[in-house]
PDB file of N, CA and C in Angstrom:
ATOM      1  N   MET A   1      91.345 116.629 119.366  1.00  0.00           N
ATOM      2  CA  MET A   1      90.455 117.114 118.329  1.00  0.00           C
ATOM      3  C   MET A   1      91.388 117.722 117.275  1.00  0.00           C
ATOM      4  N   ARG A   2      92.228 118.568 117.642  1.00  0.00           N
ATOM      5  CA  ARG A   2      93.039 119.345 116.881  1.00  0.00           C
ATOM      6  C   ARG A   2      93.888 118.285 115.952  1.00  0.00           C
ATOM      7  N   ALA A   3      94.471 117.155 116.492  1.00  0.00           N
ATOM      8  CA  ALA A   3      95.292 116.315 115.655  1.00  0.00           C
ATOM      9  C   ALA A   3      94.364 115.628 114.605  1.00  0.00           C
ATOM     10  N   SER A   4      93.079 115.323 114.944  1.00  0.00           N
ATOM     11  CA  SER A   4      92.222 114.760 113.864  1.00  0.00           C
ATOM     12  C   SER A   4      91.957 115.722 112.792  1.00  0.00           C
ATOM     13  N   LEU A   5      91.774 116.950 113.020  1.00  0.00           N
ATOM     14  CA  LEU A   5      91.502 118.019 112.165  1.00  0.00           C
ATOM     15  C   LEU A   5      92.761 118.129 111.109  1.00  0.00           C
ATOM     16  N   THR A   6      94.021 118.083 111.809  1.00  0.00           N
ATOM     17  CA  THR A   6      95.203 118.134 110.997  1.00  0.00           C
ATOM     18  C   THR A   6      95.336 116.881 110.133  1.00  0.00           C
ATOM     19  N   LEU A   7      95.159 115.743 110.596  1.00  0.00           N
ATOM     20  CA  LEU A   7      95.146 114.540 109.899  1.00  0.00           C
ATOM     21  C   LEU A   7      94.182 114.656 108.729  1.00  0.00           C
ATOM     22  N   ASN A   8      93.030 115.004 108.969  1.00  0.00           N
ATOM     23  CA  ASN A   8      92.026 115.109 107.917  1.00  0.00           C
ATOM     24  C   ASN A   8      92.413 116.068 106.830  1.00  0.00           C
ATOM     25  N   THR A   9      92.902 117.130 107.239  1.00  0.00           N
ATOM     26  CA  THR A   9      93.304 118.152 106.304  1.00  0.00           C
ATOM     27  C   THR A   9      94.565 117.490 105.420  1.00  0.00           C
ATOM     28  N   ALA A  10      95.433 116.760 106.079  1.00  0.00           N
ATOM     29  CA  ALA A  10      96.658 116.288 105.342  1.00  0.00           C
ATOM     30  C   ALA A  10      95.948 115.292 104.392  1.00  0.00           C
ATOM     31  N   ARG A  11      95.028 114.410 104.805  1.00  0.00           N
ATOM     32  CA  ARG A  11      94.450 113.275 103.951  1.00  0.00           C
ATOM     33  C   ARG A  11      93.873 114.118 102.649  1.00  0.00           C
ATOM     34  N   LYS A  12      93.041 114.975 102.942  1.00  0.00           N
ATOM     35  CA  LYS A  12      92.395 115.788 101.812  1.00  0.00           C
ATOM     36  C   LYS A  12      93.528 116.436 100.826  1.00  0.00           C
ATOM     37  N   ASP A  13      94.503 117.050 101.372  1.00  0.00           N
ATOM     38  CA  ASP A  13      95.573 117.642 100.529  1.00  0.00           C
ATOM     39  C   ASP A  13      96.298 116.546  99.730  1.00  0.00           C
ATOM     40  N   LEU A  14      96.699 115.493 100.415  1.00  0.00           N
ATOM     41  CA  LEU A  14      97.284 114.384  99.640  1.00  0.00           C
ATOM     42  C   LEU A  14      96.455 113.809  98.415  1.00  0.00           C
ATOM     43  N   GLU A  15      95.063 113.621  98.755  1.00  0.00           N
ATOM     44  CA  GLU A  15      94.287 113.085  97.790  1.00  0.00           C
ATOM     45  C   GLU A  15      94.165 114.054  96.617  1.00  0.00           C
ATOM     46  N   ALA A  16      94.021 115.517  96.868  1.00  0.00           N
ATOM     47  CA  ALA A  16      93.993 116.482  95.811  1.00  0.00           C
ATOM     48  C   ALA A  16      95.349 116.382  95.037  1.00  0.00           C
ATOM     49  N   GLU A  17      96.424 116.355  95.655  1.00  0.00           N
ATOM     50  CA  GLU A  17      97.692 116.192  94.832  1.00  0.00           C
ATOM     51  C   GLU A  17      97.689 115.031  93.971  1.00  0.00           C
ATOM     52  N   ARG A  18      97.191 113.774  94.590  1.00  0.00           N
ATOM     53  CA  ARG A  18      97.384 112.571  93.966  1.00  0.00           C
ATOM     54  C   ARG A  18      96.368 112.616  92.530  1.00  0.00           C
ATOM     55  N   ARG A  19      95.224 113.404  92.680  1.00  0.00           N
ATOM     56  CA  ARG A  19      94.376 113.515  91.598  1.00  0.00           C
ATOM     57  C   ARG A  19      94.964 114.350  90.507  1.00  0.00           C
ATOM     58  N   ARG A  20      95.675 115.532  91.071  1.00  0.00           N
ATOM     59  CA  ARG A  20      96.211 116.319  89.938  1.00  0.00           C
ATOM     60  C   ARG A  20      97.395 115.501  89.172  1.00  0.00           C
ATOM     61  N   ASN A  21      98.106 114.861  90.115  1.00  0.00           N
ATOM     62  CA  ASN A  21      99.320 114.171  89.500  1.00  0.00           C
ATOM     63  C   ASN A  21      98.852 113.132  88.487  1.00  0.00           C
ATOM     64  N   SER A  22      97.699 112.519  88.858  1.00  0.00           N
ATOM     65  CA  SER A  22      97.239 111.429  87.929  1.00  0.00           C
ATOM     66  C   SER A  22      96.681 112.114  86.632  1.00  0.00           C
ATOM     67  N   LEU A  23      96.133 113.128  86.565  1.00  0.00           N
ATOM     68  CA  LEU A  23      95.656 113.874  85.295  1.00  0.00           C
ATOM     69  C   LEU A  23      96.947 114.207  84.617  1.00  0.00           C
ATOM     70  N   GLU A  24      97.885 114.824  85.200  1.00  0.00           N
ATOM     71  CA  GLU A  24      99.163 115.146  84.304  1.00  0.00           C
ATOM     72  C   GLU A  24      99.717 113.871  83.821  1.00  0.00           C
ATOM     73  N   LEU A  25      99.771 112.857  84.587  1.00  0.00           N
ATOM     74  CA  LEU A  25     100.346 111.571  84.069  1.00  0.00           C
ATOM     75  C   LEU A  25      99.600 111.067  82.861  1.00  0.00           C
ATOM     76  N   LEU A  26      98.289 111.168  82.919  1.00  0.00           N
ATOM     77  CA  LEU A  26      97.497 110.746  81.745  1.00  0.00           C
ATOM     78  C   LEU A  26      97.740 111.581  80.525  1.00  0.00           C
ATOM     79  N   GLY A  27      98.157 112.688  80.637  1.00  0.00           N
ATOM     80  CA  GLY A  27      98.512 113.507  79.677  1.00  0.00           C
ATOM     81  C   GLY A  27      99.979 113.287  78.988  1.00  0.00           C
ATOM     82  N   LEU A  28     100.797 113.017  80.063  1.00  0.00           N
ATOM     83  CA  LEU A  28     102.278 112.932  79.633  1.00  0.00           C
ATOM     84  C   LEU A  28     102.552 111.552  78.942  1.00  0.00           C
ATOM     85  N   ARG A  29     102.048 110.512  79.524  1.00  0.00           N
ATOM     86  CA  ARG A  29     102.405 109.062  79.075  1.00  0.00           C
ATOM     87  C   ARG A  29     102.349 109.085  77.559  1.00  0.00           C
ATOM     88  N   PRO A  30     101.074 109.453  76.855  1.00  0.00           N
ATOM     89  CA  PRO A  30     101.098 109.343  75.441  1.00  0.00           C
ATOM     90  C   PRO A  30     102.243 110.103  74.817  1.00  0.00           C
ATOM     91  N   LEU A  31     102.452 111.306  75.268  1.00  0.00           N
ATOM     92  CA  LEU A  31     103.426 112.167  74.631  1.00  0.00           C
ATOM     93  C   LEU A  31     104.950 111.416  74.691  1.00  0.00           C
ATOM     94  N   VAL A  32     105.234 111.045  75.872  1.00  0.00           N
ATOM     95  CA  VAL A  32     106.499 110.361  76.067  1.00  0.00           C
ATOM     96  C   VAL A  32     106.465 109.067  75.168  1.00  0.00           C
ATOM     97  N   ASN A  33     105.518 108.215  75.264  1.00  0.00           N
ATOM     98  CA  ASN A  33     105.429 107.097  74.465  1.00  0.00           C
ATOM     99  C   ASN A  33     105.545 107.252  73.006  1.00  0.00           C
ATOM    100  N   ASP A  34     105.019 108.265  72.494  1.00  0.00           N
ATOM    101  CA  ASP A  34     104.977 108.682  71.040  1.00  0.00           C
ATOM    102  C   ASP A  34     106.539 108.980  70.639  1.00  0.00           C
ATOM    103  N   GLY A  35     107.109 109.713  71.510  1.00  0.00           N
ATOM    104  CA  GLY A  35     108.527 110.018  71.188  1.00  0.00           C
ATOM    105  C   GLY A  35     108.765 110.935  69.989  1.00  0.00           C
ATOM    106  N   SER A  36     107.860 111.654  69.488  1.00  0.00           N
ATOM    107  CA  SER A  36     107.949 112.473  68.368  1.00  0.00           C
ATOM    108  C   SER A  36     108.371 113.987  68.567  1.00  0.00           C
ATOM    109  N   CYS A  37     108.670 114.231  69.933  1.00  0.00           N
ATOM    110  CA  CYS A  37     108.948 115.522  70.231  1.00  0.00           C
ATOM    111  C   CYS A  37     110.447 115.894  69.894  1.00  0.00           C
ATOM    112  N   HIS A  38     110.909 117.070  69.956  1.00  0.00           N
ATOM    113  CA  HIS A  38     112.215 117.520  69.895  1.00  0.00           C
ATOM    114  C   HIS A  38     113.047 116.859  70.963  1.00  0.00           C
ATOM    115  N   PRO A  39     114.205 116.320  70.867  1.00  0.00           N
ATOM    116  CA  PRO A  39     115.043 115.446  71.721  1.00  0.00           C
ATOM    117  C   PRO A  39     114.991 116.135  73.205  1.00  0.00           C
ATOM    118  N   LYS A  40     115.287 117.513  73.233  1.00  0.00           N
ATOM    119  CA  LYS A  40     115.338 118.208  74.509  1.00  0.00           C
ATOM    120  C   LYS A  40     114.170 118.132  75.118  1.00  0.00           C
ATOM    121  N   LEU A  41     112.931 118.554  74.434  1.00  0.00           N
ATOM    122  CA  LEU A  41     111.678 118.355  75.161  1.00  0.00           C
ATOM    123  C   LEU A  41     111.236 116.952  75.536  1.00  0.00           C
ATOM    124  N   GLN A  42     111.671 116.081  74.605  1.00  0.00           N
ATOM    125  CA  GLN A  42     111.330 114.675  75.062  1.00  0.00           C
ATOM    126  C   GLN A  42     112.122 114.377  76.336  1.00  0.00           C
ATOM    127  N   GLN A  43     113.259 114.741  76.492  1.00  0.00           N
ATOM    128  CA  GLN A  43     113.942 114.367  77.810  1.00  0.00           C
ATOM    129  C   GLN A  43     113.289 115.088  78.844  1.00  0.00           C
ATOM    130  N   ARG A  44     112.963 116.416  78.766  1.00  0.00           N
ATOM    131  CA  ARG A  44     112.152 117.073  79.815  1.00  0.00           C
ATOM    132  C   ARG A  44     110.856 116.461  80.157  1.00  0.00           C
ATOM    133  N   LEU A  45     110.070 115.903  79.214  1.00  0.00           N
ATOM    134  CA  LEU A  45     108.752 115.179  79.390  1.00  0.00           C
ATOM    135  C   LEU A  45     109.207 113.694  80.111  1.00  0.00           C
ATOM    136  N   GLU A  46     110.121 113.119  79.777  1.00  0.00           N
ATOM    137  CA  GLU A  46     110.427 111.941  80.457  1.00  0.00           C
ATOM    138  C   GLU A  46     110.928 112.139  81.861  1.00  0.00           C
ATOM    139  N   ASP A  47     111.534 113.291  82.123  1.00  0.00           N
ATOM    140  CA  ASP A  47     112.084 113.630  83.407  1.00  0.00           C
ATOM    141  C   ASP A  47     110.842 113.832  84.288  1.00  0.00           C
ATOM    142  N   ARG A  48     109.897 114.657  83.667  1.00  0.00           N
ATOM    143  CA  ARG A  48     108.839 115.075  84.426  1.00  0.00           C
ATOM    144  C   ARG A  48     107.914 113.819  84.828  1.00  0.00           C
ATOM    145  N   LEU A  49     107.760 112.915  83.874  1.00  0.00           N
ATOM    146  CA  LEU A  49     106.933 111.747  84.104  1.00  0.00           C
ATOM    147  C   LEU A  49     107.574 110.931  85.274  1.00  0.00           C
ATOM    148  N   ALA A  50     108.934 110.831  85.170  1.00  0.00           N
ATOM    149  CA  ALA A  50     109.582 109.949  86.199  1.00  0.00           C
ATOM    150  C   ALA A  50     109.330 110.664  87.597  1.00  0.00           C
ATOM    151  N   ASP A  51     109.540 112.001  87.445  1.00  0.00           N
ATOM    152  CA  ASP A  51     109.157 112.794  88.837  1.00  0.00           C
ATOM    153  C   ASP A  51     107.758 112.646  89.378  1.00  0.00           C
ATOM    154  N   LEU A  52     106.850 112.666  88.552  1.00  0.00           N
ATOM    155  CA  LEU A  52     105.542 112.482  88.954  1.00  0.00           C
ATOM    156  C   LEU A  52     105.188 110.995  89.392  1.00  0.00           C
ATOM    157  N   GLU A  53     105.641 110.088  88.663  1.00  0.00           N
ATOM    158  CA  GLU A  53     105.555 108.590  88.970  1.00  0.00           C
ATOM    159  C   GLU A  53     106.236 108.483  90.564  1.00  0.00           C
ATOM    160  N   ALA A  54     107.341 109.005  90.777  1.00  0.00           N
ATOM    161  CA  ALA A  54     108.043 108.842  92.073  1.00  0.00           C
ATOM    162  C   ALA A  54     107.152 109.658  93.149  1.00  0.00           C
ATOM    163  N   ARG A  55     106.575 110.717  92.842  1.00  0.00           N
ATOM    164  CA  ARG A  55     105.871 111.506  93.799  1.00  0.00           C
ATOM    165  C   ARG A  55     104.514 110.752  94.052  1.00  0.00           C
ATOM    166  N   GLN A  56     103.995 110.069  92.945  1.00  0.00           N
ATOM    167  CA  GLN A  56     102.658 109.308  93.265  1.00  0.00           C
ATOM    168  C   GLN A  56     103.077 108.129  94.276  1.00  0.00           C
ATOM    169  N   ARG A  57     104.215 107.511  94.105  1.00  0.00           N
ATOM    170  CA  ARG A  57     104.563 106.263  95.046  1.00  0.00           C
ATOM    171  C   ARG A  57     104.754 106.924  96.606  1.00  0.00           C
ATOM    172  N   GLU A  58     105.323 108.135  96.569  1.00  0.00           N
ATOM    173  CA  GLU A  58     105.606 108.690  97.865  1.00  0.00           C
ATOM    174  C   GLU A  58     104.281 109.043  98.583  1.00  0.00           C
ATOM    175  N   LEU A  59     103.450 109.542  97.859  1.00  0.00           N
ATOM    176  CA  LEU A  59     101.959 109.907  98.246  1.00  0.00           C
ATOM    177  C   LEU A  59     101.255 108.661  98.810  1.00  0.00           C
ATOM    178  N   GLU A  60     101.437 107.543  98.007  1.00  0.00           N
ATOM    179  CA  GLU A  60     100.854 106.338  98.393  1.00  0.00           C
ATOM    180  C   GLU A  60     101.443 105.784  99.784  1.00  0.00           C
ATOM    181  N   ARG A  61     102.703 105.976  99.986  1.00  0.00           N
ATOM    182  CA  ARG A  61     103.346 105.483 101.238  1.00  0.00           C
ATOM    183  C   ARG A  61     102.952 106.443 102.393  1.00  0.00           C
ATOM    184  N   ILE A  62     102.659 107.751 102.177  1.00  0.00           N
ATOM    185  CA  ILE A  62     102.220 108.681 103.152  1.00  0.00           C
ATOM    186  C   ILE A  62     100.746 108.337 103.506  1.00  0.00           C
ATOM    187  N   ARG A  63      99.943 108.162 102.454  1.00  0.00           N
ATOM    188  CA  ARG A  63      98.584 107.742 102.708  1.00  0.00           C
ATOM    189  C   ARG A  63      98.519 106.438 103.571  1.00  0.00           C
ATOM    190  N   ALA A  64      99.370 105.449 103.244  1.00  0.00           N
ATOM    191  CA  ALA A  64      99.315 104.185 104.223  1.00  0.00           C
ATOM    192  C   ALA A  64      99.742 104.668 105.601  1.00  0.00           C
ATOM    193  N   LEU A  65     100.644 105.456 105.811  1.00  0.00           N
ATOM    194  CA  LEU A  65     101.012 105.735 107.207  1.00  0.00           C
ATOM    195  C   LEU A  65      99.852 106.597 107.926  1.00  0.00           C
ATOM    196  N   LEU A  66      99.163 107.432 107.164  1.00  0.00           N
ATOM    197  CA  LEU A  66      98.031 107.926 107.773  1.00  0.00           C
ATOM    198  C   LEU A  66      96.890 107.061 108.193  1.00  0.00           C
ATOM    199  N   ARG A  67      96.817 106.040 107.231  1.00  0.00           N
ATOM    200  CA  ARG A  67      95.787 105.079 107.712  1.00  0.00           C
ATOM    201  C   ARG A  67      96.204 104.325 108.997  1.00  0.00           C
ATOM    202  N   CYS A  68      97.316 104.061 109.088  1.00  0.00           N
ATOM    203  CA  CYS A  68      97.748 103.294 110.275  1.00  0.00           C
ATOM    204  C   CYS A  68      97.745 104.195 111.508  1.00  0.00           C
ATOM    205  N   THR A  69      97.938 105.416 111.381  1.00  0.00           N
ATOM    206  CA  THR A  69      97.900 106.484 112.432  1.00  0.00           C
ATOM    207  C   THR A  69      96.421 106.596 112.872  1.00  0.00           C
ATOM    208  N   SER A  70      95.446 106.570 111.927  1.00  0.00           N
ATOM    209  CA  SER A  70      94.107 106.836 112.318  1.00  0.00           C
ATOM    210  C   SER A  70      93.432 105.558 112.983  1.00  0.00           C
ATOM    211  N   GLN A  71      94.100 104.406 112.968  1.00  0.00           N
ATOM    212  CA  GLN A  71      93.552 103.180 113.479  1.00  0.00           C
ATOM    213  C   GLN A  71      93.727 103.113 115.004  1.00  0.00           C
TER     214      GLN A  71
END
């Protein structure tokens, strides 16, 4: 029972983080694509966008592992 509660909590936490990241990505992509920011800010935005995209891929891998674990 305890393991299922822990897995359920992990799933909920992962989904919440995925949603937060998705919202931030929605806001960042137009800024990065526009490219009209100060060069240093533009670089920081591009770095943040890359970090979020990598984190989203990592979250998807973790979710897939959790799905396999629960079967």
